[in-house]
Amino acid sequence: MIFTTIWTSFCNAVKPYFSFDQGDMEEGRSVLSVQPLSSNAERCKKWRESQGREFKLQEAERKRQSRKNRTPAQIERDRRTAKDRMRRMREKRKADDQNASHTNKENHVILTRQQREKQRKKWREAKQRYRTKIGSQKKRRIKEKDKVYRQGRRQKKVKNVKSKDCPSNEDDDSESLTFTPEARRKALYRIRQRMPTDSKKYAAVLTGLLNTTPEKGRPSVK
């Protein structure tokens, strides 16, 4: 009996720091939990969340019952109220959209020459102040980035100029082609099949092939 009383007093003293089983406490068994209780803030947070969930459920049930018990006059009044609320919401949204579009138009006003020069001067001064504040490492990274960008622009410009000077590379591709003997034999066979049988037409086709330019006649000679 004395041991049980002492054990109960001890458990009550350390109860705020550890969790116990009430049945084991009454029997006098050691039931100290390895995991301590959560902090007071966490317990309060869980309690508030549970109270909030319970309140929401009760409020939803109350509104559900009130909707069921409405009279026809109350239903009509609620409908008019909902329509007025939606109308005000649409008007407010429309006004906000108009104000936003008006603001965007004001941002795209065409500036005069003096206004443009003033704006550019302001930008230059702000850029100069920015350059004086940044460190050497950041300056080096910016220079490297600008260098890569300029190289890409130059390469793209050279590529565009070359494509304009050389619009077609079909002749170079035709010169680089190599035919196997079997492919050449089949090509000649197809040409013979398409040649006219009449002697005059045959002579006209050969004359046209011989009078072609060197670039066009080279594949035919091969």
Protein backbone atom coordinates (compact mmCIF):
# COMPACT_ATOMS: atom_id res chain seq x y z
CA MET A 1 0.00 0.00 0.00
CA ILE A 2 2.79 2.39 0.89
CA PHE A 3 4.67 1.50 -2.29
CA THR A 4 1.58 2.16 -4.39
CA THR A 5 1.11 5.58 -2.78
CA ILE A 6 4.75 6.52 -3.36
CA TRP A 7 4.61 5.32 -6.96
CA THR A 8 1.43 7.30 -7.65
CA SER A 9 2.99 10.47 -6.23
CA PHE A 10 6.09 9.97 -8.37
CA CYS A 11 4.03 9.42 -11.50
CA ASN A 12 1.98 12.55 -10.83
CA ALA A 13 5.19 14.55 -10.39
CA VAL A 14 6.71 13.49 -13.71
CA LYS A 15 3.43 13.27 -15.62
CA PRO A 16 3.88 16.63 -17.45
CA TYR A 17 7.08 15.29 -19.03
CA PHE A 18 6.13 11.71 -19.93
CA SER A 19 3.05 9.78 -21.00
CA PHE A 20 1.56 7.08 -18.73
CA ASP A 21 -1.13 4.47 -18.92
CA GLN A 22 -3.66 5.06 -16.13
CA GLY A 23 -4.27 1.34 -15.64
CA ASP A 24 -0.60 0.59 -15.28
CA MET A 25 -0.19 3.52 -12.92
CA GLU A 26 -2.86 2.14 -10.61
CA GLU A 27 -1.22 -1.29 -10.65
CA GLY A 28 2.19 0.19 -9.89
CA ARG A 29 3.95 -1.05 -13.06
CA SER A 30 6.69 0.96 -14.74
CA VAL A 31 5.16 2.44 -17.88
CA LEU A 32 7.49 5.32 -18.71
CA SER A 33 7.13 6.02 -22.40
CA VAL A 34 10.22 6.50 -24.48
CA GLN A 35 8.59 9.32 -26.48
CA PRO A 36 8.01 12.54 -24.49
CA LEU A 37 4.79 14.47 -24.84
CA SER A 38 4.56 17.16 -27.52
CA SER A 39 5.12 20.76 -26.61
CA ASN A 40 2.37 22.96 -25.31
CA ALA A 41 2.21 24.91 -28.59
CA GLU A 42 1.68 21.73 -30.62
CA ARG A 43 -1.06 20.54 -28.27
CA CYS A 44 -2.79 23.91 -28.50
CA LYS A 45 -2.54 23.85 -32.28
CA LYS A 46 -4.11 20.39 -32.50
CA TRP A 47 -6.87 21.42 -30.10
CA ARG A 48 -7.66 24.54 -32.15
CA GLU A 49 -7.76 22.53 -35.37
CA SER A 50 -10.13 19.98 -33.85
CA GLN A 51 -12.37 22.76 -32.50
CA GLY A 52 -12.39 24.44 -35.91
CA ARG A 53 -13.35 21.23 -37.70
CA GLU A 54 -16.11 20.58 -35.21
CA PHE A 55 -17.47 24.11 -35.59
CA LYS A 56 -17.48 23.85 -39.39
CA LEU A 57 -19.41 20.58 -39.27
CA GLN A 58 -21.96 22.03 -36.86
CA GLU A 59 -22.35 25.19 -38.95
CA ALA A 60 -22.81 23.20 -42.17
CA GLU A 61 -25.48 21.06 -40.54
CA ARG A 62 -27.25 24.14 -39.15
CA LYS A 63 -27.33 25.85 -42.57
CA ARG A 64 -28.51 22.64 -44.22
CA GLN A 65 -31.44 22.43 -41.83
CA SER A 66 -32.26 26.12 -42.25
CA ARG A 67 -32.36 25.74 -46.04
CA LYS A 68 -34.76 22.82 -45.72
CA ASN A 69 -37.09 24.80 -43.44
CA ARG A 70 -37.29 27.93 -45.62
CA THR A 71 -40.65 29.28 -46.74
CA PRO A 72 -41.34 30.17 -50.42
CA ALA A 73 -41.01 33.87 -49.56
CA GLN A 74 -37.60 33.29 -48.00
CA ILE A 75 -36.48 31.27 -51.03
CA GLU A 76 -37.49 34.10 -53.37
CA ARG A 77 -35.72 36.66 -51.18
CA ASP A 78 -32.52 34.58 -51.17
CA ARG A 79 -32.65 34.33 -54.96
CA ARG A 80 -32.98 38.10 -55.36
CA THR A 81 -30.13 38.64 -52.92
CA ALA A 82 -27.91 36.20 -54.82
CA LYS A 83 -28.71 37.92 -58.14
CA ASP A 84 -27.86 41.34 -56.70
CA ARG A 85 -24.64 40.01 -55.26
CA MET A 86 -23.59 38.49 -58.61
CA ARG A 87 -24.49 41.72 -60.46
CA ARG A 88 -22.33 43.80 -58.12
CA MET A 89 -19.49 41.31 -58.47
CA ARG A 90 -19.65 41.47 -62.30
CA GLU A 91 -19.73 45.27 -62.27
CA LYS A 92 -16.73 45.41 -59.96
CA ARG A 93 -14.79 42.94 -62.10
CA LYS A 94 -15.63 44.87 -65.26
CA ALA A 95 -14.49 48.13 -63.67
CA ASP A 96 -11.23 46.52 -62.55
CA ASP A 97 -10.58 45.22 -66.08
CA GLN A 98 -11.22 48.64 -67.58
CA ASN A 99 -8.88 50.29 -65.11
CA ALA A 100 -6.19 47.72 -65.85
CA SER A 101 -6.50 48.21 -69.62
CA HIS A 102 -6.45 51.99 -69.18
CA THR A 103 -3.29 51.75 -67.13
CA ASN A 104 -1.62 49.61 -69.79
CA LYS A 105 -2.50 52.16 -72.47
CA GLU A 106 -0.96 54.94 -70.40
CA ASN A 107 2.29 52.96 -70.14
CA HIS A 108 2.59 52.82 -73.95
CA VAL A 109 2.38 56.57 -74.58
CA ILE A 110 4.65 57.73 -77.41
CA LEU A 111 7.34 59.98 -75.96
CA THR A 112 8.73 63.10 -77.57
CA ARG A 113 12.41 63.45 -78.44
CA GLN A 114 13.21 65.42 -75.29
CA GLN A 115 11.30 62.98 -73.08
CA ARG A 116 13.12 60.05 -74.69
CA GLU A 117 16.52 61.67 -74.18
CA LYS A 118 15.65 62.43 -70.57
CA GLN A 119 14.59 58.84 -70.00
CA ARG A 120 17.77 57.47 -71.59
CA LYS A 121 19.90 59.81 -69.49
CA LYS A 122 18.15 58.52 -66.38
CA TRP A 123 18.82 54.93 -67.45
CA ARG A 124 22.50 55.69 -68.17
CA GLU A 125 23.03 57.24 -64.76
CA ALA A 126 21.29 54.33 -63.05
CA LYS A 127 23.46 51.88 -65.01
CA GLN A 128 26.62 53.77 -64.06
CA ARG A 129 25.68 53.67 -60.38
CA TYR A 130 25.00 49.94 -60.72
CA ARG A 131 28.43 49.33 -62.30
CA THR A 132 30.22 51.17 -59.52
CA LYS A 133 28.56 48.98 -56.88
CA ILE A 134 29.15 45.52 -58.38
CA GLY A 135 32.33 43.58 -57.65
CA SER A 136 35.12 42.49 -59.96
CA GLN A 137 33.94 38.88 -60.09
CA LYS A 138 30.45 39.87 -61.21
CA LYS A 139 31.94 42.25 -63.79
CA ARG A 140 34.01 39.40 -65.21
CA ARG A 141 30.96 37.13 -65.47
CA ILE A 142 29.00 39.87 -67.23
CA LYS A 143 31.84 40.44 -69.72
CA GLU A 144 32.07 36.72 -70.47
CA LYS A 145 28.33 36.51 -71.01
CA ASP A 146 28.38 39.54 -73.33
CA LYS A 147 31.32 38.08 -75.24
CA VAL A 148 29.49 34.82 -75.87
CA TYR A 149 26.39 36.74 -76.96
CA ARG A 150 28.36 38.90 -79.43
CA GLN A 151 30.13 35.87 -80.87
CA GLY A 152 26.79 34.17 -81.44
CA ARG A 153 25.43 37.27 -83.18
CA ARG A 154 28.48 37.51 -85.47
CA GLN A 155 28.33 33.83 -86.38
CA LYS A 156 24.63 34.09 -87.16
CA LYS A 157 25.23 37.15 -89.34
CA VAL A 158 28.05 35.43 -91.27
CA LYS A 159 25.87 32.36 -91.75
CA ASN A 160 23.04 34.46 -93.17
CA VAL A 161 25.41 36.22 -95.59
CA LYS A 162 26.81 32.91 -96.82
CA SER A 163 23.34 31.49 -97.33
CA LYS A 164 22.43 34.53 -99.47
CA ASP A 165 25.61 34.29 -101.55
CA CYS A 166 25.18 30.53 -102.08
CA PRO A 167 21.44 29.94 -102.43
CA SER A 168 21.78 26.38 -103.65
CA ASN A 169 24.28 23.61 -103.00
CA GLU A 170 22.74 21.04 -105.30
CA ASP A 171 25.71 21.10 -107.71
CA ASP A 172 28.23 20.47 -104.93
CA ASP A 173 26.07 17.65 -103.63
CA SER A 174 25.83 16.12 -107.10
CA GLU A 175 29.63 16.28 -107.52
CA SER A 176 30.19 14.62 -104.17
CA LEU A 177 27.88 11.71 -105.04
CA THR A 178 29.53 8.43 -106.01
CA PHE A 179 27.68 5.74 -107.97
CA THR A 180 28.39 2.05 -107.84
CA PRO A 181 28.60 0.16 -111.14
CA GLU A 182 25.28 -1.53 -110.44
CA ALA A 183 23.53 1.79 -109.78
CA ARG A 184 25.02 3.31 -112.93
CA ARG A 185 23.90 0.34 -115.00
CA LYS A 186 20.33 0.62 -113.72
CA ALA A 187 20.29 4.38 -114.35
CA LEU A 188 21.46 3.90 -117.95
CA TYR A 189 18.82 1.21 -118.45
CA ARG A 190 16.07 3.56 -117.24
CA ILE A 191 17.34 6.31 -119.54
CA ARG A 192 17.33 3.98 -122.56
CA GLN A 193 13.79 2.89 -121.76
CA ARG A 194 12.64 6.52 -121.75
CA MET A 195 14.46 7.59 -124.92
CA PRO A 196 12.22 8.03 -127.99
CA THR A 197 12.31 5.34 -130.67
CA ASP A 198 12.00 7.79 -133.57
CA SER A 199 15.41 8.68 -135.03
CA LYS A 200 14.67 12.42 -135.39
CA LYS A 201 13.42 12.75 -131.83
CA TYR A 202 16.35 10.69 -130.58
CA ALA A 203 18.80 13.01 -132.37
CA ALA A 204 17.02 16.08 -130.94
CA VAL A 205 17.34 14.76 -127.39
CA LEU A 206 21.05 14.02 -127.83
CA THR A 207 21.63 17.48 -129.34
CA GLY A 208 19.93 19.09 -126.36
CA LEU A 209 22.09 17.11 -123.94
CA LEU A 210 25.29 18.08 -125.73
CA ASN A 211 24.36 21.77 -125.85
CA THR A 212 23.68 22.06 -122.12
CA THR A 213 25.94 24.03 -119.77
CA PRO A 214 28.88 22.22 -118.16
CA GLU A 215 27.20 22.17 -114.74
CA LYS A 216 24.08 20.49 -116.09
CA GLY A 217 25.88 18.34 -118.62
CA ARG A 218 28.37 16.83 -116.21
CA PRO A 219 25.90 14.37 -114.64
CA SER A 220 24.60 13.35 -118.06
CA VAL A 221 28.12 12.67 -119.37
CA LYS A 222 28.87 10.53 -116.35
